[in-house]
Amino acid sequence: MHFIFLLMTLGACLLVFYEDFKQRMIHISALTLFGLSTIIYSYHKGYLFEIFALNILFLLIVFSILYIYLFLKHRQLPKMLGRYIGLGDIIILALVCTSYSLYNYVILILATCIVGLIHFSFVRFLLNKKIIRIPFAGCLAAVHFILTLFSFIVSFDVTNNNLF
């Protein structure tokens, strides 16, 4: 049963990764599959509700600080959704909250930002594109895929400990 949920999660990660990199948007069916598989897989591992509230609180603090920063910078109420971050990115961030301890969730977000910056650098300097949108949800799905697969292969849960 654990293996089936693992395959569902990995398949959903690949689907989100593909759609976000190819179309810069994620279909609702991919979000639904990703959400259900991630929540069921986390629930099966036994730590769904203990860490969800703490990670959501962390996200709210980060987005509040970003909102205040943009308000102070532009001297008007910023419209973050659609301009700075997409709705799919926020939904994926919220769905992955169920899978990681707070410490590892922060590491996941930092690793995703690094992957996004590498993607930005590659597209900007090697392909000479001027307008670049970073597929944050796709990068997050790729990092989540790698960590989930690594956890399964080495039989060591990197999502819910403070060693990683």
N, C-alpha and C. Protein backbone atom coordinates (compact mmCIF):
# COMPACT_ATOMS: atom_id res chain seq x y z
N MET A 1 0.82 -1.19 0.00
CA MET A 1 0.00 0.00 0.00
C MET A 1 0.87 1.26 0.00
N HIS A 2 1.93 1.23 0.80
CA HIS A 2 2.86 2.36 0.88
C HIS A 2 3.48 2.62 -0.49
N PHE A 3 3.79 1.56 -1.22
CA PHE A 3 4.42 1.67 -2.54
C PHE A 3 3.47 2.32 -3.54
N ILE A 4 2.19 2.01 -3.45
CA ILE A 4 1.20 2.60 -4.36
C ILE A 4 1.11 4.11 -4.15
N PHE A 5 1.06 4.53 -2.87
CA PHE A 5 1.02 5.96 -2.58
C PHE A 5 2.30 6.66 -3.02
N LEU A 6 3.41 5.97 -2.89
CA LEU A 6 4.69 6.51 -3.35
C LEU A 6 4.66 6.74 -4.86
N LEU A 7 4.19 5.74 -5.60
CA LEU A 7 4.11 5.89 -7.06
C LEU A 7 3.15 7.00 -7.46
N MET A 8 2.03 7.13 -6.75
CA MET A 8 1.10 8.22 -7.05
C MET A 8 1.76 9.58 -6.82
N THR A 9 2.48 9.71 -5.73
CA THR A 9 3.15 10.97 -5.42
C THR A 9 4.22 11.30 -6.46
N LEU A 10 5.03 10.30 -6.81
CA LEU A 10 6.08 10.54 -7.79
C LEU A 10 5.49 10.87 -9.17
N GLY A 11 4.42 10.18 -9.56
CA GLY A 11 3.76 10.48 -10.83
C GLY A 11 3.16 11.87 -10.85
N ALA A 12 2.56 12.27 -9.74
CA ALA A 12 1.98 13.61 -9.65
C ALA A 12 3.07 14.67 -9.71
N CYS A 13 4.21 14.41 -9.09
CA CYS A 13 5.34 15.36 -9.16
C CYS A 13 5.80 15.53 -10.60
N LEU A 14 5.92 14.42 -11.32
CA LEU A 14 6.35 14.51 -12.71
C LEU A 14 5.34 15.26 -13.57
N LEU A 15 4.05 15.05 -13.30
CA LEU A 15 3.00 15.73 -14.05
C LEU A 15 3.04 17.24 -13.80
N VAL A 16 3.18 17.64 -12.56
CA VAL A 16 3.26 19.07 -12.22
C VAL A 16 4.51 19.68 -12.83
N PHE A 17 5.63 18.97 -12.73
CA PHE A 17 6.89 19.44 -13.30
C PHE A 17 6.73 19.67 -14.81
N TYR A 18 6.19 18.69 -15.50
CA TYR A 18 6.03 18.78 -16.96
C TYR A 18 5.12 19.94 -17.35
N GLU A 19 3.95 20.02 -16.70
CA GLU A 19 3.00 21.07 -17.07
C GLU A 19 3.53 22.46 -16.77
N ASP A 20 4.20 22.63 -15.63
CA ASP A 20 4.67 23.97 -15.28
C ASP A 20 5.82 24.40 -16.19
N PHE A 21 6.70 23.51 -16.54
CA PHE A 21 7.80 23.88 -17.42
C PHE A 21 7.33 24.07 -18.86
N LYS A 22 6.36 23.28 -19.29
CA LYS A 22 5.93 23.37 -20.68
C LYS A 22 4.95 24.52 -20.91
N GLN A 23 3.93 24.66 -20.03
CA GLN A 23 2.87 25.62 -20.29
C GLN A 23 2.87 26.81 -19.33
N ARG A 24 3.69 26.79 -18.30
CA ARG A 24 3.74 27.82 -17.26
C ARG A 24 2.41 27.93 -16.52
N MET A 25 1.66 26.85 -16.53
CA MET A 25 0.44 26.75 -15.74
C MET A 25 0.20 25.27 -15.44
N ILE A 26 -0.59 25.04 -14.39
CA ILE A 26 -0.84 23.68 -13.96
C ILE A 26 -2.34 23.44 -14.02
N HIS A 27 -2.73 22.37 -14.68
CA HIS A 27 -4.14 22.04 -14.80
C HIS A 27 -4.69 21.60 -13.45
N ILE A 28 -5.96 21.85 -13.23
CA ILE A 28 -6.60 21.53 -11.94
C ILE A 28 -6.54 20.03 -11.65
N SER A 29 -6.56 19.19 -12.68
CA SER A 29 -6.47 17.75 -12.45
C SER A 29 -5.08 17.36 -11.92
N ALA A 30 -4.05 18.03 -12.41
CA ALA A 30 -2.70 17.77 -11.90
C ALA A 30 -2.57 18.23 -10.45
N LEU A 31 -3.16 19.39 -10.14
CA LEU A 31 -3.14 19.87 -8.75
C LEU A 31 -3.91 18.93 -7.83
N THR A 32 -5.04 18.44 -8.31
CA THR A 32 -5.85 17.52 -7.51
C THR A 32 -5.10 16.22 -7.26
N LEU A 33 -4.51 15.67 -8.31
CA LEU A 33 -3.74 14.43 -8.16
C LEU A 33 -2.55 14.64 -7.23
N PHE A 34 -1.85 15.75 -7.40
CA PHE A 34 -0.71 16.04 -6.54
C PHE A 34 -1.16 16.20 -5.09
N GLY A 35 -2.25 16.94 -4.88
CA GLY A 35 -2.74 17.16 -3.52
C GLY A 35 -3.19 15.87 -2.85
N LEU A 36 -3.99 15.09 -3.55
CA LEU A 36 -4.48 13.84 -2.96
C LEU A 36 -3.34 12.87 -2.67
N SER A 37 -2.44 12.71 -3.63
CA SER A 37 -1.35 11.76 -3.42
C SER A 37 -0.41 12.21 -2.31
N THR A 38 -0.11 13.50 -2.24
CA THR A 38 0.77 14.00 -1.19
C THR A 38 0.13 13.88 0.18
N ILE A 39 -1.14 14.24 0.29
CA ILE A 39 -1.82 14.16 1.58
C ILE A 39 -1.99 12.71 2.02
N ILE A 40 -2.37 11.83 1.10
CA ILE A 40 -2.54 10.41 1.47
C ILE A 40 -1.20 9.80 1.85
N TYR A 41 -0.16 10.11 1.09
CA TYR A 41 1.17 9.57 1.39
C TYR A 41 1.66 10.07 2.75
N SER A 42 1.45 11.34 3.04
CA SER A 42 1.85 11.89 4.34
C SER A 42 1.04 11.30 5.47
N TYR A 43 -0.26 11.13 5.25
CA TYR A 43 -1.13 10.53 6.26
C TYR A 43 -0.72 9.09 6.53
N HIS A 44 -0.35 8.39 5.48
CA HIS A 44 0.08 6.99 5.62
C HIS A 44 1.37 6.90 6.43
N LYS A 45 2.23 7.91 6.29
CA LYS A 45 3.46 7.92 7.08
C LYS A 45 3.20 8.40 8.51
N GLY A 46 2.05 9.01 8.77
CA GLY A 46 1.65 9.30 10.13
C GLY A 46 1.92 10.69 10.66
N TYR A 47 2.25 11.65 9.83
CA TYR A 47 2.50 12.98 10.36
C TYR A 47 1.89 14.08 9.51
N LEU A 48 0.63 13.91 9.19
CA LEU A 48 -0.05 14.89 8.37
C LEU A 48 -0.43 16.14 9.16
N PHE A 49 -1.16 15.97 10.25
CA PHE A 49 -1.74 17.13 10.92
C PHE A 49 -0.81 17.77 11.94
N GLU A 50 0.21 17.06 12.39
CA GLU A 50 1.10 17.64 13.40
C GLU A 50 1.91 18.80 12.86
N ILE A 51 2.29 18.75 11.60
CA ILE A 51 3.19 19.76 11.06
C ILE A 51 2.53 20.73 10.10
N PHE A 52 1.31 20.41 9.67
CA PHE A 52 0.64 21.24 8.67
C PHE A 52 0.44 22.68 9.17
N ALA A 53 -0.07 22.83 10.38
CA ALA A 53 -0.37 24.17 10.90
C ALA A 53 0.90 25.01 11.06
N LEU A 54 1.96 24.39 11.52
CA LEU A 54 3.21 25.12 11.70
C LEU A 54 3.79 25.59 10.36
N ASN A 55 3.73 24.74 9.36
CA ASN A 55 4.25 25.11 8.04
C ASN A 55 3.39 26.18 7.37
N ILE A 56 2.08 26.08 7.53
CA ILE A 56 1.19 27.11 6.98
C ILE A 56 1.45 28.45 7.67
N LEU A 57 1.66 28.42 8.98
CA LEU A 57 1.99 29.65 9.70
C LEU A 57 3.29 30.25 9.16
N PHE A 58 4.28 29.42 8.91
CA PHE A 58 5.53 29.88 8.32
C PHE A 58 5.28 30.54 6.96
N LEU A 59 4.47 29.90 6.11
CA LEU A 59 4.16 30.47 4.80
C LEU A 59 3.45 31.82 4.93
N LEU A 60 2.52 31.92 5.87
CA LEU A 60 1.81 33.18 6.08
C LEU A 60 2.77 34.28 6.52
N ILE A 61 3.72 33.95 7.37
CA ILE A 61 4.71 34.93 7.82
C ILE A 61 5.58 35.38 6.64
N VAL A 62 6.04 34.43 5.83
CA VAL A 62 6.88 34.76 4.68
C VAL A 62 6.13 35.65 3.69
N PHE A 63 4.89 35.28 3.37
CA PHE A 63 4.12 36.09 2.42
C PHE A 63 3.75 37.44 3.00
N SER A 64 3.53 37.52 4.30
CA SER A 64 3.25 38.82 4.94
C SER A 64 4.46 39.73 4.87
N ILE A 65 5.63 39.20 5.14
CA ILE A 65 6.86 39.99 5.05
C ILE A 65 7.10 40.44 3.61
N LEU A 66 6.87 39.55 2.65
CA LEU A 66 7.01 39.92 1.24
C LEU A 66 6.02 41.01 0.85
N TYR A 67 4.79 40.91 1.34
CA TYR A 67 3.77 41.91 1.05
C TYR A 67 4.15 43.27 1.63
N ILE A 68 4.62 43.28 2.86
CA ILE A 68 5.05 44.53 3.50
C ILE A 68 6.23 45.14 2.75
N TYR A 69 7.18 44.30 2.36
CA TYR A 69 8.33 44.78 1.60
C TYR A 69 7.90 45.42 0.28
N LEU A 70 7.01 44.76 -0.45
CA LEU A 70 6.55 45.31 -1.72
C LEU A 70 5.74 46.60 -1.52
N PHE A 71 4.98 46.66 -0.44
CA PHE A 71 4.23 47.87 -0.13
C PHE A 71 5.18 49.04 0.15
N LEU A 72 6.21 48.79 0.93
CA LEU A 72 7.18 49.85 1.25
C LEU A 72 7.99 50.26 0.02
N LYS A 73 8.27 49.32 -0.85
CA LYS A 73 9.06 49.61 -2.04
C LYS A 73 8.28 50.42 -3.06
N HIS A 74 7.02 50.06 -3.29
CA HIS A 74 6.24 50.71 -4.34
C HIS A 74 5.28 51.78 -3.83
N ARG A 75 5.13 51.89 -2.53
CA ARG A 75 4.25 52.89 -1.89
C ARG A 75 2.78 52.74 -2.31
N GLN A 76 2.40 51.53 -2.63
CA GLN A 76 1.00 51.22 -2.93
C GLN A 76 0.77 49.74 -2.63
N LEU A 77 -0.49 49.36 -2.50
CA LEU A 77 -0.79 47.96 -2.20
C LEU A 77 -0.42 47.09 -3.40
N PRO A 78 0.49 46.14 -3.20
CA PRO A 78 0.94 45.33 -4.34
C PRO A 78 -0.06 44.23 -4.69
N LYS A 79 -0.09 43.90 -5.96
CA LYS A 79 -0.87 42.76 -6.43
C LYS A 79 0.12 41.62 -6.67
N MET A 80 0.31 40.81 -5.64
CA MET A 80 1.32 39.76 -5.70
C MET A 80 0.90 38.60 -6.61
N LEU A 81 -0.36 38.20 -6.50
CA LEU A 81 -0.84 37.03 -7.23
C LEU A 81 -0.90 37.32 -8.72
N GLY A 82 -0.20 36.53 -9.48
CA GLY A 82 -0.16 36.70 -10.92
C GLY A 82 1.03 37.50 -11.40
N ARG A 83 1.52 38.41 -10.57
CA ARG A 83 2.67 39.21 -10.98
C ARG A 83 3.97 38.66 -10.41
N TYR A 84 3.98 38.36 -9.12
CA TYR A 84 5.19 37.87 -8.47
C TYR A 84 5.14 36.37 -8.21
N ILE A 85 3.97 35.84 -7.97
CA ILE A 85 3.83 34.41 -7.71
C ILE A 85 2.47 33.96 -8.23
N GLY A 86 2.43 32.75 -8.77
CA GLY A 86 1.20 32.24 -9.33
C GLY A 86 0.36 31.49 -8.30
N LEU A 87 -0.90 31.33 -8.60
CA LEU A 87 -1.79 30.62 -7.70
C LEU A 87 -1.37 29.16 -7.57
N GLY A 88 -0.92 28.56 -8.66
CA GLY A 88 -0.45 27.17 -8.61
C GLY A 88 0.75 27.01 -7.68
N ASP A 89 1.63 28.00 -7.67
CA ASP A 89 2.79 27.97 -6.78
C ASP A 89 2.36 27.96 -5.32
N ILE A 90 1.39 28.81 -5.00
CA ILE A 90 0.90 28.88 -3.62
C ILE A 90 0.21 27.58 -3.22
N ILE A 91 -0.60 27.03 -4.13
CA ILE A 91 -1.31 25.78 -3.83
C ILE A 91 -0.32 24.65 -3.62
N ILE A 92 0.69 24.55 -4.47
CA ILE A 92 1.70 23.49 -4.32
C ILE A 92 2.47 23.67 -3.02
N LEU A 93 2.83 24.90 -2.67
CA LEU A 93 3.50 25.15 -1.39
C LEU A 93 2.64 24.71 -0.21
N ALA A 94 1.35 24.98 -0.29
CA ALA A 94 0.45 24.58 0.79
C ALA A 94 0.27 23.06 0.85
N LEU A 95 0.23 22.41 -0.29
CA LEU A 95 0.04 20.96 -0.31
C LEU A 95 1.27 20.22 0.22
N VAL A 96 2.44 20.74 -0.08
CA VAL A 96 3.67 20.08 0.37
C VAL A 96 3.88 20.30 1.88
N CYS A 97 3.16 21.25 2.46
CA CYS A 97 3.25 21.50 3.92
C CYS A 97 3.01 20.24 4.73
N THR A 98 2.21 19.34 4.20
CA THR A 98 1.85 18.13 4.96
C THR A 98 2.98 17.12 5.02
N SER A 99 4.00 17.27 4.20
CA SER A 99 5.02 16.24 4.07
C SER A 99 6.32 16.49 4.80
N TYR A 100 6.57 17.72 5.25
CA TYR A 100 7.88 18.06 5.78
C TYR A 100 7.78 18.69 7.16
N SER A 101 8.77 18.40 7.99
CA SER A 101 8.89 19.13 9.25
C SER A 101 9.26 20.57 8.91
N LEU A 102 9.10 21.48 9.85
CA LEU A 102 9.34 22.90 9.56
C LEU A 102 10.78 23.13 9.09
N TYR A 103 11.72 22.52 9.77
CA TYR A 103 13.13 22.68 9.39
C TYR A 103 13.36 22.22 7.95
N ASN A 104 12.85 21.05 7.63
CA ASN A 104 13.05 20.51 6.29
C ASN A 104 12.21 21.25 5.25
N TYR A 105 11.09 21.83 5.68
CA TYR A 105 10.26 22.61 4.77
C TYR A 105 11.01 23.88 4.34
N VAL A 106 11.69 24.51 5.28
CA VAL A 106 12.49 25.69 4.96
C VAL A 106 13.62 25.29 4.00
N ILE A 107 14.26 24.16 4.26
CA ILE A 107 15.33 23.67 3.37
C ILE A 107 14.75 23.38 1.98
N LEU A 108 13.56 22.79 1.93
CA LEU A 108 12.91 22.51 0.65
C LEU A 108 12.66 23.79 -0.14
N ILE A 109 12.16 24.81 0.51
CA ILE A 109 11.89 26.07 -0.18
C ILE A 109 13.20 26.70 -0.66
N LEU A 110 14.24 26.66 0.17
CA LEU A 110 15.53 27.21 -0.25
C LEU A 110 16.11 26.43 -1.43
N ALA A 111 16.01 25.11 -1.38
CA ALA A 111 16.51 24.28 -2.48
C ALA A 111 15.72 24.56 -3.76
N THR A 112 14.42 24.77 -3.63
CA THR A 112 13.59 25.10 -4.78
C THR A 112 13.98 26.45 -5.37
N CYS A 113 14.26 27.41 -4.52
CA CYS A 113 14.71 28.72 -5.00
C CYS A 113 16.04 28.61 -5.73
N ILE A 114 16.94 27.79 -5.23
CA ILE A 114 18.24 27.60 -5.89
C ILE A 114 18.04 26.95 -7.26
N VAL A 115 17.18 25.93 -7.34
CA VAL A 115 16.88 25.29 -8.63
C VAL A 115 16.26 26.31 -9.59
N GLY A 116 15.36 27.15 -9.08
CA GLY A 116 14.75 28.20 -9.90
C GLY A 116 15.78 29.19 -10.42
N LEU A 117 16.72 29.56 -9.57
CA LEU A 117 17.78 30.50 -10.00
C LEU A 117 18.70 29.86 -11.03
N ILE A 118 18.98 28.58 -10.88
CA ILE A 118 19.78 27.87 -11.89
C ILE A 118 19.04 27.84 -13.22
N HIS A 119 17.74 27.56 -13.17
CA HIS A 119 16.92 27.57 -14.37
C HIS A 119 16.92 28.97 -15.01
N PHE A 120 16.75 30.00 -14.19
CA PHE A 120 16.75 31.38 -14.67
C PHE A 120 18.09 31.69 -15.36
N SER A 121 19.19 31.33 -14.71
CA SER A 121 20.51 31.61 -15.28
C SER A 121 20.71 30.89 -16.60
N PHE A 122 20.27 29.65 -16.65
CA PHE A 122 20.41 28.86 -17.88
C PHE A 122 19.62 29.50 -19.02
N VAL A 123 18.38 29.85 -18.76
CA VAL A 123 17.53 30.43 -19.81
C VAL A 123 18.02 31.81 -20.20
N ARG A 124 18.43 32.59 -19.22
CA ARG A 124 18.83 33.99 -19.48
C ARG A 124 20.14 34.07 -20.27
N PHE A 125 21.14 33.31 -19.84
CA PHE A 125 22.46 33.49 -20.42
C PHE A 125 22.78 32.52 -21.55
N LEU A 126 22.24 31.32 -21.50
CA LEU A 126 22.55 30.37 -22.56
C LEU A 126 21.56 30.42 -23.72
N LEU A 127 20.30 30.72 -23.43
CA LEU A 127 19.30 30.78 -24.49
C LEU A 127 18.97 32.21 -24.90
N ASN A 128 19.54 33.19 -24.21
CA ASN A 128 19.37 34.62 -24.52
C ASN A 128 17.92 35.08 -24.58
N LYS A 129 17.11 34.62 -23.66
CA LYS A 129 15.73 35.11 -23.57
C LYS A 129 15.70 36.29 -22.63
N LYS A 130 14.90 37.29 -22.97
CA LYS A 130 14.82 38.50 -22.16
C LYS A 130 13.76 38.40 -21.07
N ILE A 131 12.59 37.87 -21.39
CA ILE A 131 11.51 37.74 -20.42
C ILE A 131 11.46 36.29 -19.96
N ILE A 132 11.67 36.11 -18.66
CA ILE A 132 11.76 34.77 -18.11
C ILE A 132 10.82 34.66 -16.93
N ARG A 133 10.02 33.63 -16.93
CA ARG A 133 9.16 33.31 -15.78
C ARG A 133 9.66 32.01 -15.20
N ILE A 134 9.98 32.04 -13.93
CA ILE A 134 10.52 30.85 -13.27
C ILE A 134 9.36 29.94 -12.89
N PRO A 135 9.37 28.70 -13.34
CA PRO A 135 8.32 27.75 -12.98
C PRO A 135 8.54 27.20 -11.57
N PHE A 136 8.16 27.99 -10.56
CA PHE A 136 8.45 27.64 -9.17
C PHE A 136 7.78 26.35 -8.76
N ALA A 137 6.53 26.15 -9.16
CA ALA A 137 5.83 24.91 -8.79
C ALA A 137 6.50 23.70 -9.43
N GLY A 138 6.97 23.85 -10.65
CA GLY A 138 7.68 22.76 -11.31
C GLY A 138 9.00 22.45 -10.63
N CYS A 139 9.71 23.49 -10.21
CA CYS A 139 10.96 23.29 -9.47
C CYS A 139 10.69 22.63 -8.12
N LEU A 140 9.63 23.06 -7.45
CA LEU A 140 9.25 22.47 -6.16
C LEU A 140 8.88 21.00 -6.34
N ALA A 141 8.13 20.70 -7.39
CA ALA A 141 7.76 19.31 -7.66
C ALA A 141 9.00 18.46 -7.96
N ALA A 142 9.97 19.02 -8.67
CA ALA A 142 11.19 18.28 -8.98
C ALA A 142 12.00 17.99 -7.72
N VAL A 143 12.14 18.98 -6.86
CA VAL A 143 12.89 18.77 -5.61
C VAL A 143 12.15 17.79 -4.71
N HIS A 144 10.82 17.91 -4.63
CA HIS A 144 10.01 16.98 -3.83
C HIS A 144 10.14 15.56 -4.39
N PHE A 145 10.14 15.42 -5.71
CA PHE A 145 10.31 14.12 -6.36
C PHE A 145 11.64 13.49 -5.96
N ILE A 146 12.71 14.28 -6.06
CA ILE A 146 14.05 13.76 -5.74
C ILE A 146 14.14 13.34 -4.28
N LEU A 147 13.62 14.17 -3.38
CA LEU A 147 13.70 13.83 -1.96
C LEU A 147 12.84 12.63 -1.61
N THR A 148 11.66 12.53 -2.19
CA THR A 148 10.78 11.39 -1.93
C THR A 148 11.40 10.11 -2.46
N LEU A 149 11.94 10.14 -3.66
CA LEU A 149 12.59 8.97 -4.24
C LEU A 149 13.83 8.58 -3.44
N PHE A 150 14.61 9.57 -3.04
CA PHE A 150 15.80 9.30 -2.23
C PHE A 150 15.42 8.65 -0.90
N SER A 151 14.36 9.15 -0.27
CA SER A 151 13.90 8.58 1.00
C SER A 151 13.50 7.12 0.83
N PHE A 152 12.86 6.81 -0.29
CA PHE A 152 12.44 5.43 -0.53
C PHE A 152 13.63 4.53 -0.81
N ILE A 153 14.57 5.00 -1.60
CA ILE A 153 15.70 4.17 -2.01
C ILE A 153 16.60 3.83 -0.83
N VAL A 154 16.91 4.83 0.01
CA VAL A 154 17.84 4.59 1.11
C VAL A 154 17.13 4.21 2.41
N SER A 155 15.80 4.15 2.38
CA SER A 155 14.99 3.81 3.56
C SER A 155 15.29 4.73 4.74
N PHE A 156 15.46 6.01 4.44
CA PHE A 156 15.70 7.02 5.47
C PHE A 156 14.83 8.21 5.14
N ASP A 157 13.95 8.56 6.05
CA ASP A 157 12.98 9.62 5.80
C ASP A 157 13.63 10.99 5.95
N VAL A 158 13.93 11.63 4.82
CA VAL A 158 14.55 12.95 4.86
C VAL A 158 13.52 14.06 5.01
N THR A 159 12.25 13.72 5.03
CA THR A 159 11.21 14.74 5.10
C THR A 159 10.84 15.12 6.52
N ASN A 160 11.12 14.26 7.48
CA ASN A 160 10.63 14.54 8.84
C ASN A 160 11.71 14.30 9.89
N ASN A 161 12.87 14.85 9.67
CA ASN A 161 13.93 14.81 10.68
C ASN A 161 14.73 16.09 10.58
N ASN A 162 15.59 16.31 11.52
CA ASN A 162 16.38 17.54 11.52
C ASN A 162 17.85 17.28 11.16
N LEU A 163 18.11 16.15 10.55
CA LEU A 163 19.48 15.84 10.14
C LEU A 163 19.77 16.40 8.76
N PHE A 164 18.76 16.66 7.96
CA PHE A 164 18.94 17.09 6.57
C PHE A 164 18.97 18.59 6.48
